[in-house]
Protein backbone atom coordinates (compact mmCIF):
# COMPACT_ATOMS: atom_id res chain seq x y z
CA MET A 1 -31.30 3.50 3.67
CA GLN A 2 -28.28 5.51 4.60
CA VAL A 3 -26.47 2.22 4.63
CA SER A 4 -27.38 0.93 1.48
CA SER A 5 -26.99 4.37 -0.09
CA SER A 6 -23.12 4.55 1.44
CA VAL A 7 -22.40 0.83 0.11
CA VAL A 8 -23.64 2.05 -3.56
CA THR A 9 -21.37 4.97 -3.05
CA SER A 10 -17.99 3.27 -1.92
CA ALA A 11 -18.52 0.80 -5.17
CA GLU A 12 -19.00 3.45 -7.57
CA SER A 13 -15.82 5.15 -6.27
CA GLN A 14 -13.96 2.32 -6.44
CA ALA A 15 -14.92 1.57 -9.99
CA ALA A 16 -13.98 5.16 -10.87
CA ALA A 17 -10.75 4.97 -9.49
CA LYS A 18 -9.67 2.51 -11.54
CA ASP A 19 -9.87 4.61 -14.71
CA LYS A 20 -7.92 7.72 -12.69
CA PRO A 21 -3.93 8.33 -12.70
CA VAL A 22 -2.35 7.68 -9.35
CA PHE A 23 0.60 10.11 -10.16
CA PRO A 24 0.68 13.62 -11.12
CA VAL A 25 1.28 14.13 -14.82
CA GLY A 26 4.10 16.45 -15.27
CA GLN A 27 5.09 17.10 -11.97
CA MET A 28 7.08 13.50 -11.15
CA THR A 29 10.25 15.49 -9.89
CA LEU A 30 8.60 17.01 -7.12
CA PHE A 31 6.31 13.97 -6.37
CA VAL A 32 9.82 12.25 -5.84
CA LEU A 33 11.70 14.25 -4.10
CA VAL A 34 8.45 14.76 -1.16
CA THR A 35 8.64 10.66 -1.24
CA VAL A 36 12.04 10.98 -0.20
CA LEU A 37 10.72 12.78 2.72
CA PHE A 38 9.07 9.44 3.90
CA PHE A 39 12.09 7.57 3.68
CA LEU A 40 14.06 10.17 5.73
CA TRP A 41 11.35 10.21 8.77
CA GLY A 42 11.30 6.22 8.42
CA MET A 43 14.85 5.88 9.16
CA SER A 44 14.66 8.74 12.37
CA ASN A 45 11.38 6.97 13.76
CA ASN A 46 12.74 3.04 13.77
CA LEU A 47 16.06 4.37 15.13
CA THR A 48 14.71 4.99 18.41
CA ASP A 49 13.67 1.63 18.56
CA ILE A 50 17.66 1.12 19.12
CA LEU A 51 17.79 4.17 20.97
CA VAL A 52 15.50 2.22 23.67
CA GLN A 53 17.55 -0.59 24.21
CA GLN A 54 21.21 1.35 23.87
CA PHE A 55 19.52 4.02 26.57
CA LYS A 56 18.32 1.10 28.65
CA LYS A 57 21.76 0.02 28.83
CA SER A 58 23.76 3.11 29.12
CA PHE A 59 21.63 4.89 31.52
CA GLU A 60 20.85 1.57 33.24
CA LEU A 61 17.15 2.45 33.06
CA SER A 62 13.94 -0.14 33.62
CA GLN A 63 11.99 -0.73 30.43
CA PHE A 64 9.33 2.32 31.46
CA GLY A 65 12.18 4.48 31.59
CA ALA A 66 13.72 3.67 28.52
CA GLN A 67 10.22 3.64 26.63
CA LEU A 68 10.37 7.45 27.36
CA VAL A 69 12.72 7.71 24.17
CA GLN A 70 9.36 6.96 22.13
CA THR A 71 7.22 9.16 24.59
CA ALA A 72 9.88 12.31 23.85
CA ASN A 73 9.88 11.81 20.27
CA PHE A 74 6.02 11.01 19.87
CA LEU A 75 4.99 13.83 22.30
CA GLY A 76 6.93 16.31 19.44
CA TYR A 77 3.99 14.97 16.82
CA PHE A 78 1.37 16.20 19.31
CA CYS A 79 2.50 19.56 20.21
CA MET A 80 3.32 20.71 16.94
CA ALA A 81 0.93 19.68 14.64
CA ILE A 82 -1.48 22.44 14.88
CA PRO A 83 1.32 25.14 14.78
CA ALA A 84 2.36 23.33 11.48
CA ALA A 85 -1.28 23.54 10.21
CA LEU A 86 -1.24 27.37 10.97
CA VAL A 87 1.67 27.62 9.24
CA MET A 88 0.65 26.20 6.05
CA ARG A 89 -2.31 27.86 6.11
CA ARG A 90 -0.64 30.94 5.60
CA TRP A 91 2.35 29.87 3.68
CA GLY A 92 1.37 26.70 1.88
CA TYR A 93 3.00 22.99 2.01
CA LYS A 94 6.68 24.20 0.98
CA ALA A 95 6.82 26.10 4.19
CA GLY A 96 5.87 23.45 6.24
CA MET A 97 7.84 21.21 4.47
CA ILE A 98 11.08 23.58 4.95
CA LEU A 99 10.59 24.07 8.46
CA GLY A 100 10.13 21.05 9.17
CA LEU A 101 13.10 19.39 7.86
CA ALA A 102 14.91 22.43 9.39
CA MET A 103 13.74 21.30 13.00
CA PHE A 104 14.32 17.79 11.97
CA GLY A 105 17.97 18.02 11.13
CA SER A 106 18.53 20.60 14.12
CA GLY A 107 17.57 17.84 16.88
CA MET A 108 19.45 15.27 15.40
CA VAL A 109 22.13 17.52 15.84
CA LEU A 110 21.43 17.95 19.06
CA PHE A 111 22.51 14.56 20.03
CA TRP A 112 26.30 15.98 20.12
CA PRO A 113 25.74 18.29 23.05
CA ALA A 114 23.40 15.70 24.77
CA ALA A 115 26.02 12.96 24.76
CA VAL A 116 29.04 15.14 26.22
CA SER A 117 26.77 16.03 28.95
CA GLY A 118 26.11 12.63 29.56
CA LYS A 119 22.68 13.06 30.92
CA TYR A 120 19.18 11.25 29.92
CA VAL A 121 17.04 14.69 29.86
CA PRO A 122 19.61 16.31 27.09
CA PHE A 123 18.80 13.25 24.39
CA LEU A 124 14.99 13.66 25.62
CA VAL A 125 14.90 17.37 24.75
CA ALA A 126 16.69 16.10 21.25
CA LEU A 127 14.29 13.53 20.63
CA PHE A 128 11.52 16.14 21.44
CA THR A 129 12.59 18.41 18.60
CA VAL A 130 13.19 15.43 16.06
CA GLY A 131 9.48 14.94 16.89
CA CYS A 132 8.85 18.26 16.19
CA GLY A 133 10.34 18.40 13.23
CA ALA A 134 8.96 14.94 11.84
CA SER A 135 5.33 16.32 13.32
CA ILE A 136 5.44 19.58 10.79
CA LEU A 137 6.71 17.20 7.76
CA GLU A 138 3.55 14.57 8.38
CA THR A 139 1.53 17.45 8.59
CA ALA A 140 2.33 18.68 5.59
CA ALA A 141 3.59 15.45 3.38
CA ASN A 142 0.47 13.42 4.03
CA PRO A 143 -2.20 15.60 2.99
CA PHE A 144 -0.25 17.24 -0.01
CA MET A 145 0.54 13.62 -1.46
CA ALA A 146 -3.38 12.51 -0.58
CA GLN A 147 -4.13 15.76 -2.54
CA PHE A 148 -1.36 15.39 -5.19
CA GLY A 149 -3.47 14.11 -8.10
CA PRO A 150 -7.30 12.74 -8.71
CA ALA A 151 -8.76 12.45 -5.78
CA GLU A 152 -10.38 8.99 -6.52
CA THR A 153 -6.57 7.44 -6.31
CA SER A 154 -5.86 9.61 -3.07
CA GLU A 155 -5.71 6.39 -0.58
CA ARG A 156 -3.51 4.67 -3.27
CA ARG A 157 -1.17 7.38 -3.70
CA LEU A 158 -0.61 8.00 0.04
CA ASN A 159 0.20 3.99 0.55
CA PHE A 160 2.56 4.56 -2.25
CA ALA A 161 4.49 7.36 -0.81
CA GLN A 162 4.18 5.88 2.27
CA SER A 163 5.48 2.60 0.89
CA PHE A 164 8.94 4.05 0.55
CA ASN A 165 8.61 4.77 4.58
CA PRO A 166 9.51 0.91 5.63
CA PRO A 167 12.75 1.02 3.06
CA GLY A 168 13.75 4.07 5.40
CA THR A 169 12.90 2.17 8.53
CA ILE A 170 15.28 -1.03 7.54
CA VAL A 171 17.85 1.48 6.78
CA GLY A 172 17.31 3.33 9.80
CA VAL A 173 17.41 -0.45 11.96
CA ILE A 174 20.58 -1.44 10.14
CA VAL A 175 22.43 1.71 10.51
CA GLY A 176 21.57 1.54 14.41
CA ALA A 177 22.68 -1.84 14.91
CA GLN A 178 25.63 -1.82 13.24
CA PHE A 179 26.67 1.76 14.17
CA ILE A 180 25.24 2.62 17.56
CA PHE A 181 25.14 -1.68 18.87
CA SER A 182 28.73 -2.07 20.08
CA GLY A 183 28.27 -6.08 20.21
CA VAL A 184 29.27 -6.13 24.10
CA GLU A 185 26.51 -7.26 26.51
CA LEU A 186 28.39 -7.64 29.97
CA LYS A 187 27.30 -10.58 31.97
CA ALA A 188 26.46 -9.78 35.75
CA PRO A 189 30.47 -10.59 36.77
CA GLN A 190 31.93 -9.08 34.47
CA VAL A 191 29.75 -5.77 35.14
CA ALA A 192 30.86 -6.20 39.18
CA ALA A 193 34.43 -6.77 37.95
CA MET A 194 34.31 -3.93 36.29
CA LYS A 195 32.64 -1.54 39.04
CA GLN A 196 35.73 -2.63 41.41
CA ALA A 197 38.02 -1.53 39.02
CA GLY A 198 36.47 1.59 38.42
CA THR A 199 36.00 1.13 34.60
CA TYR A 200 32.45 0.41 34.09
CA ALA A 201 31.65 4.52 34.03
CA GLY A 202 33.94 4.67 31.20
CA TYR A 203 31.96 1.61 29.51
CA LEU A 204 28.79 3.01 29.87
CA HIS A 205 30.07 6.66 28.46
CA SER A 206 31.66 4.95 25.36
CA GLU A 207 27.99 2.95 24.60
CA LEU A 208 26.34 6.63 24.86
CA MET A 209 28.86 8.05 22.57
CA ARG A 210 28.04 5.74 19.76
CA VAL A 211 24.78 7.08 18.85
CA VAL A 212 26.56 10.46 18.15
CA PRO A 213 28.05 9.71 14.31
CA THR A 214 24.99 8.46 13.18
CA TYR A 215 22.83 11.30 14.17
CA LEU A 216 25.10 13.88 12.83
CA ALA A 217 25.07 12.29 9.43
CA LEU A 218 21.69 11.81 9.42
CA GLY A 219 21.03 15.54 10.34
CA SER A 220 23.44 16.83 7.85
CA VAL A 221 21.84 14.81 5.18
CA VAL A 222 18.15 16.54 6.52
CA LEU A 223 19.50 20.21 6.55
CA LEU A 224 20.59 19.64 3.03
CA PHE A 225 17.49 18.22 1.72
CA ALA A 226 15.65 21.04 3.25
CA LEU A 227 18.12 23.22 1.02
CA LEU A 228 17.43 21.15 -2.01
CA LEU A 229 13.20 21.17 -1.63
CA SER A 230 13.36 25.52 -0.98
CA ARG A 231 14.51 25.52 -4.52
CA MET A 232 11.28 23.58 -6.21
CA LYS A 233 8.19 25.26 -7.06
CA PHE A 234 4.77 23.98 -5.33
CA PRO A 235 1.41 23.59 -7.43
CA ALA A 236 -1.57 25.25 -5.69
CA MET A 237 -4.08 22.81 -4.33
CA ALA A 238 -7.49 23.20 -6.04
CA SER A 239 -9.25 21.33 -3.80
CA GLU A 240 -8.35 23.76 -0.84
CA GLN A 241 -8.60 27.03 -3.16
CA GLU A 242 -5.01 27.87 -2.71
CA GLY A 243 -3.86 31.03 -4.84
CA GLU A 244 -7.23 31.08 -6.97
CA ALA A 245 -7.18 34.65 -8.81
CA GLY A 246 -9.20 37.32 -7.54
CA ALA A 247 -11.28 34.78 -5.21
CA ALA A 248 -11.69 35.10 -1.26
CA VAL A 249 -9.41 32.05 -0.23
CA ASP A 250 -11.33 29.62 2.29
CA HIS A 251 -8.58 28.29 4.69
CA GLY A 252 -11.08 26.31 6.81
CA SER A 253 -11.51 26.31 10.65
CA PHE A 254 -11.43 24.27 13.39
CA GLY A 255 -15.31 24.38 13.95
CA ALA A 256 -16.13 23.08 10.56
CA LEU A 257 -14.20 19.71 11.82
CA LEU A 258 -16.48 18.86 14.43
CA HIS A 259 -19.35 17.79 11.65
CA TYR A 260 -17.28 15.32 10.51
CA PRO A 261 -17.91 11.85 12.04
CA HIS A 262 -15.68 10.43 9.69
CA LEU A 263 -12.52 12.92 10.95
CA TRP A 264 -13.15 11.86 14.61
CA PHE A 265 -13.62 8.28 14.08
CA ALA A 266 -10.08 8.41 11.80
CA VAL A 267 -8.68 10.15 14.66
CA ALA A 268 -9.46 7.89 17.23
CA ALA A 269 -8.52 5.04 14.96
CA LEU A 270 -4.76 6.55 14.10
CA PHE A 271 -4.21 7.24 17.66
CA CYS A 272 -4.62 3.29 18.51
CA ALA A 273 -2.65 2.11 14.84
CA VAL A 274 0.21 4.32 15.73
CA GLY A 275 0.19 3.81 19.46
CA ALA A 276 0.03 -0.25 18.76
CA GLN A 277 2.89 0.15 15.60
CA VAL A 278 5.13 1.46 17.97
CA ALA A 279 4.62 -0.50 20.94
CA THR A 280 4.52 -3.59 18.93
CA TRP A 281 8.41 -2.52 17.40
CA SER A 282 10.22 -0.95 20.14
CA SER A 283 9.58 -3.90 22.67
CA LEU A 284 10.11 -6.66 20.37
CA ILE A 285 13.91 -6.52 21.47
CA PRO A 286 13.26 -6.62 24.65
CA TYR A 287 10.49 -9.17 24.46
CA MET A 288 13.21 -11.45 22.74
CA LYS A 289 15.74 -10.58 25.48
CA GLN A 290 13.45 -11.75 27.75
CA TYR A 291 12.12 -15.21 25.81
CA THR A 292 14.82 -16.17 23.87
CA SER A 293 18.72 -16.34 23.86
CA VAL A 294 19.27 -14.16 20.69
CA SER A 295 21.87 -11.46 21.23
CA GLU A 296 20.88 -7.65 21.02
CA ARG A 297 22.21 -7.87 17.33
CA SER A 298 20.51 -10.52 16.24
CA ALA A 299 16.93 -9.42 17.87
CA ALA A 300 17.41 -6.34 15.76
CA GLY A 301 17.60 -8.33 12.61
CA TYR A 302 13.82 -9.91 13.65
CA LEU A 303 12.82 -5.99 13.75
CA THR A 304 14.61 -5.41 10.23
CA ALA A 305 12.29 -8.55 9.26
CA THR A 306 9.37 -6.91 10.59
CA LEU A 307 10.00 -3.79 8.56
CA VAL A 308 11.30 -5.74 5.27
CA VAL A 309 7.87 -7.52 5.87
CA MET A 310 6.07 -4.28 6.36
CA ALA A 311 7.33 -2.96 3.01
CA ILE A 312 6.39 -6.03 1.10
CA GLY A 313 2.76 -5.52 2.60
CA ARG A 314 2.52 -2.06 1.52
CA PHE A 315 3.50 -2.17 -2.05
CA ALA A 316 1.32 -5.88 -2.45
CA THR A 317 -1.63 -4.06 -0.80
CA THR A 318 -1.36 -0.56 -2.60
CA TRP A 319 -1.91 -2.85 -6.22
CA LEU A 320 -4.64 -4.70 -4.43
CA MET A 321 -6.51 -2.05 -4.07
CA LYS A 322 -7.42 -1.50 -7.37
CA TYR A 323 -9.91 -4.63 -6.88
CA VAL A 324 -10.84 -4.09 -2.92
CA THR A 325 -11.93 -1.38 -1.38
CA ALA A 326 -9.28 0.16 1.10
CA SER A 327 -11.66 0.36 4.27
CA LYS A 328 -12.31 -3.72 4.02
CA LEU A 329 -8.77 -4.27 3.65
CA LEU A 330 -8.05 -1.89 6.56
CA GLY A 331 -10.87 -3.95 8.79
CA ILE A 332 -9.31 -7.56 7.46
CA TYR A 333 -5.71 -6.67 8.41
CA GLY A 334 -6.79 -5.00 11.46
CA ALA A 335 -8.76 -8.33 13.03
CA ALA A 336 -5.21 -10.27 11.58
CA ASN A 337 -3.10 -8.54 13.68
CA VAL A 338 -5.51 -9.25 16.96
CA ALA A 339 -4.56 -12.84 16.24
CA LEU A 340 -0.72 -12.55 15.84
CA ILE A 341 -0.52 -10.30 19.04
CA ALA A 342 -2.63 -12.67 20.97
CA LEU A 343 -0.46 -15.71 19.74
CA ALA A 344 3.00 -13.67 20.78
CA ILE A 345 1.12 -13.24 24.26
CA THR A 346 -0.36 -16.83 24.57
CA ARG A 347 2.99 -18.46 23.22
CA PRO A 348 6.01 -16.37 24.18
CA GLY A 349 9.41 -17.43 22.22
CA LEU A 350 10.43 -17.49 18.87
CA LEU A 351 6.88 -18.76 18.06
CA GLY A 352 5.61 -15.35 19.77
CA ALA A 353 8.85 -12.90 17.81
CA ASN A 354 7.51 -14.41 14.48
CA ALA A 355 4.31 -13.64 15.11
CA LEU A 356 5.15 -9.96 16.04
CA VAL A 357 7.52 -10.15 12.49
CA ALA A 358 4.19 -11.19 10.42
CA SER A 359 2.16 -8.26 11.78
CA GLY A 360 4.55 -6.20 10.25
CA PHE A 361 2.49 -6.71 6.92
CA PHE A 362 -0.61 -6.07 8.21
CA LEU A 363 0.73 -2.94 10.02
CA SER A 364 1.50 -1.70 6.04
CA ILE A 365 -1.55 0.01 5.20
CA MET A 366 -2.89 1.30 8.37
CA PHE A 367 -1.48 4.61 9.00
CA PRO A 368 -1.88 6.12 5.21
CA THR A 369 -5.29 4.58 4.71
CA ILE A 370 -6.64 5.72 7.86
CA PHE A 371 -5.23 9.04 7.37
CA ALA A 372 -6.35 9.53 3.55
CA LEU A 373 -9.88 8.24 4.64
CA GLY A 374 -10.00 10.64 7.28
CA LEU A 375 -9.44 13.88 5.08
CA LYS A 376 -12.28 12.33 2.38
CA GLY A 377 -14.52 15.27 1.40
CA LEU A 378 -12.80 18.22 3.53
CA GLY A 379 -12.06 20.88 1.04
CA PRO A 380 -10.91 23.82 2.51
CA ASN A 381 -10.42 22.33 5.87
CA THR A 382 -7.66 19.83 4.54
CA LYS A 383 -4.86 21.34 6.17
CA LEU A 384 -6.41 21.65 9.97
CA ALA A 385 -7.65 18.01 9.46
CA GLY A 386 -4.20 16.86 8.64
CA SER A 387 -3.10 18.57 11.62
CA VAL A 388 -5.49 17.09 14.04
CA LEU A 389 -4.75 13.65 12.34
CA VAL A 390 -0.95 13.94 13.03
CA MET A 391 -1.87 15.22 16.53
CA SER A 392 -3.24 11.53 16.86
CA ILE A 393 0.26 9.93 16.36
CA VAL A 394 0.79 10.58 19.72
CA GLY A 395 -0.77 7.13 20.62
CA GLY A 396 3.28 6.32 20.05
CA ALA A 397 4.03 8.40 23.21
CA VAL A 398 0.72 6.71 25.55
CA PHE A 399 1.18 3.04 24.27
CA PRO A 400 4.79 1.93 24.87
CA PRO A 401 5.22 3.08 28.49
CA VAL A 402 2.10 1.60 29.50
CA LEU A 403 3.03 -1.32 27.58
CA GLY A 404 6.63 -0.79 29.76
CA TYR A 405 4.64 -0.46 32.74
CA ILE A 406 2.98 -3.56 32.80
CA ALA A 407 5.95 -5.26 31.59
CA ARG A 408 7.84 -3.89 34.80
CA SER A 409 4.52 -4.85 37.09
CA THR A 410 3.85 -8.66 36.00
CA GLY A 411 7.86 -9.50 34.89
CA SER A 412 6.45 -10.45 31.64
CA VAL A 413 7.10 -8.31 28.22
CA GLY A 414 4.89 -10.59 26.55
CA LEU A 415 1.62 -9.71 29.12
CA GLY A 416 2.54 -5.79 27.96
CA TYR A 417 1.45 -6.93 24.36
CA VAL A 418 -2.61 -6.60 25.84
CA VAL A 419 -1.40 -2.96 25.21
CA PRO A 420 -1.33 -2.89 21.24
CA LEU A 421 -3.95 -6.13 20.87
CA ALA A 422 -6.46 -3.39 21.83
CA GLY A 423 -5.51 -0.67 19.58
CA PHE A 424 -5.59 -3.29 16.57
CA VAL A 425 -9.53 -3.92 17.93
CA VAL A 426 -10.26 -0.46 17.29
CA VAL A 427 -8.17 -0.26 13.91
CA SER A 428 -10.41 -3.38 12.47
CA LEU A 429 -13.76 -1.57 13.69
CA TYR A 430 -12.84 1.56 12.07
CA GLY A 431 -11.81 -0.45 8.93
CA PHE A 432 -15.62 -2.20 8.85
CA CYS A 433 -17.28 1.01 9.90
CA ALA A 434 -15.58 3.74 7.55
CA PRO A 435 -17.39 2.86 4.63
CA LEU A 436 -20.95 4.10 6.92
CA LEU A 437 -19.42 7.42 7.89
CA LEU A 438 -18.06 8.87 4.46
CA PRO A 439 -19.67 11.69 3.26
CA PRO A 440 -21.11 11.64 -0.11
CA SER A 441 -18.71 11.87 -2.67
CA GLY A 442 -17.98 15.74 -3.97
CA ASN A 443 -19.69 17.21 -0.85
CA THR A 444 -16.78 19.16 1.04
CA SER A 445 -19.35 20.69 3.61
CA PRO A 446 -22.04 19.67 6.42
CA ASP A 447 -24.36 22.35 5.41
CA ALA A 448 -23.92 22.36 1.82
CA GLY A 449 -24.70 20.68 -0.89
CA PRO A 450 -22.63 19.31 -4.26
CA MET A 451 -19.71 21.33 -4.36
CA VAL A 452 -18.58 23.12 -7.76
CA ALA A 453 -15.76 21.32 -9.73
CA GLY A 454 -12.26 23.34 -8.70
CA ARG A 455 -13.78 25.73 -6.19
CA GLY A 456 -14.95 23.90 -2.96
CA HIS A 457 -17.69 26.31 -2.16
CA GLY A 458 -21.48 24.83 -1.90
CA VAL A 459 -23.85 25.59 -4.45
C-alpha cells in the first residue's frame, strides 16, 4: 500500500509541477545575481583539477600527494557547512552568501603568499580557506534557490541555476590551461641536464608562480561581487517561517532531521556523487598522460569537453524533467555512468578517455537533483538539512586520494576508477528508491499532519 501511495503522489506532483512557474515572479534581478554564484564556484572547483597536475610537477609529488589538493579544498566543505547553517539560521541567507564570498575570495588571495613561500602546505591552507568559503556559499545558495519559487518546481529551478556551474568550470579549465600550464614539459634527460646546471629549481619555482595571477584576479572579482550582493534585499522564505510578524520563528533542530530517511539517503548519495565526479575529473589528465601520448594542454582540452557535455546535459535534462520525474532520470543517469566508467577501466586509452568525457552528460543533474530531493518537506529544518547535505560534499576530499592510492599501488590510473564506479552505483540506487522515501506532499514534520499553507506548523 505504501509503495502504491508513493507512486501516485509522485505522479500527481509531476502533473502539478507542469503548471507552476520555475522562476520567482518579480524578483529576477536577485535570481540572476545568486545564479552567478554557481558560475563563480564552478570556476574555482575545476581550477583545482589543473592544480593537481601543476603541483605534481612543481613539487615533484606522487599522484596520491597531488590529490591532497582536492582533499584540502573539499575538507573545507565538511568543516564549514554546519557553522554556515547556524549563521544563516540567525541572520538569514544573505549573511551566509556575503560571508561565503568574503572567505572564498580571501582564500584565493592567499595564493600569493603561498607561492612566495615556495611550500606545498601554505597552498593547501589557501585551498582549505577557498573550500570553507565555497561551503558557506553552497549551504546558502542551493536551498535558497530550491525555495525561491513554487515547491513543485524546486528540482527544475535548482537544476537551472546549477546549469551555470558547468560554464564556470569550463572557463576555469580554459583559464587554467592557458595561464597556469606553461606548455613546457621536460623529458628526463632535460631534467637531469638542468639539475646539473643548477637551473631546475628555478624552473620549478617559475612554474609554481604561474598560479598567482589567475587566483588574484578571480579573488578580486569575488570580493567585488560580495560588495554588490550586500546591496540587495532578500525575501523571507515563508516555508521556513522567516520574518513572520507577531509569530514565533521556528528555526528547526538537528534532532528533527533524524526522522527523515529520505534526507539521509540523499546525504549518502551526494557523498558518492560528488566524490565520483571529483575523482573522475581530477584524474582525467593523469589518465590520459599514462595511456595516451597527448600533451598536458591537449588533455586539459578533454577535461573542457567533459564540462561542455555536462553543461549540455544539465540544460537538456532540466527541460526533460517536465515530462520524466527527476528521481527516475537520476537512476537512469547513474546506471549510464556505471557503464561508461567500466568502459574506461577495461579499455584504457582514447576510447576510455572518451567514455570519461561522455560521463559528464550524465553527471549533469546528480548534485542539484539529489540536493533538491533531500530538502523536500523539511520546512523550518531546511537550513540545517542543507548544511548536512553540503557536508556530504566531503566525498570530493575522500574519493580522489583513494583513487590515487590505488593508482600508485597498482601502477594503473585506470584501475583506480573503480572508486567512482562504486559511487555511481549508489547514486543510481538512490534515484530509483527516492520516490518510496519522500514524505507525502505538504507534510514537513515527522510527528504532524498536513501543514497549514504559509505557516509550516502541523495542524
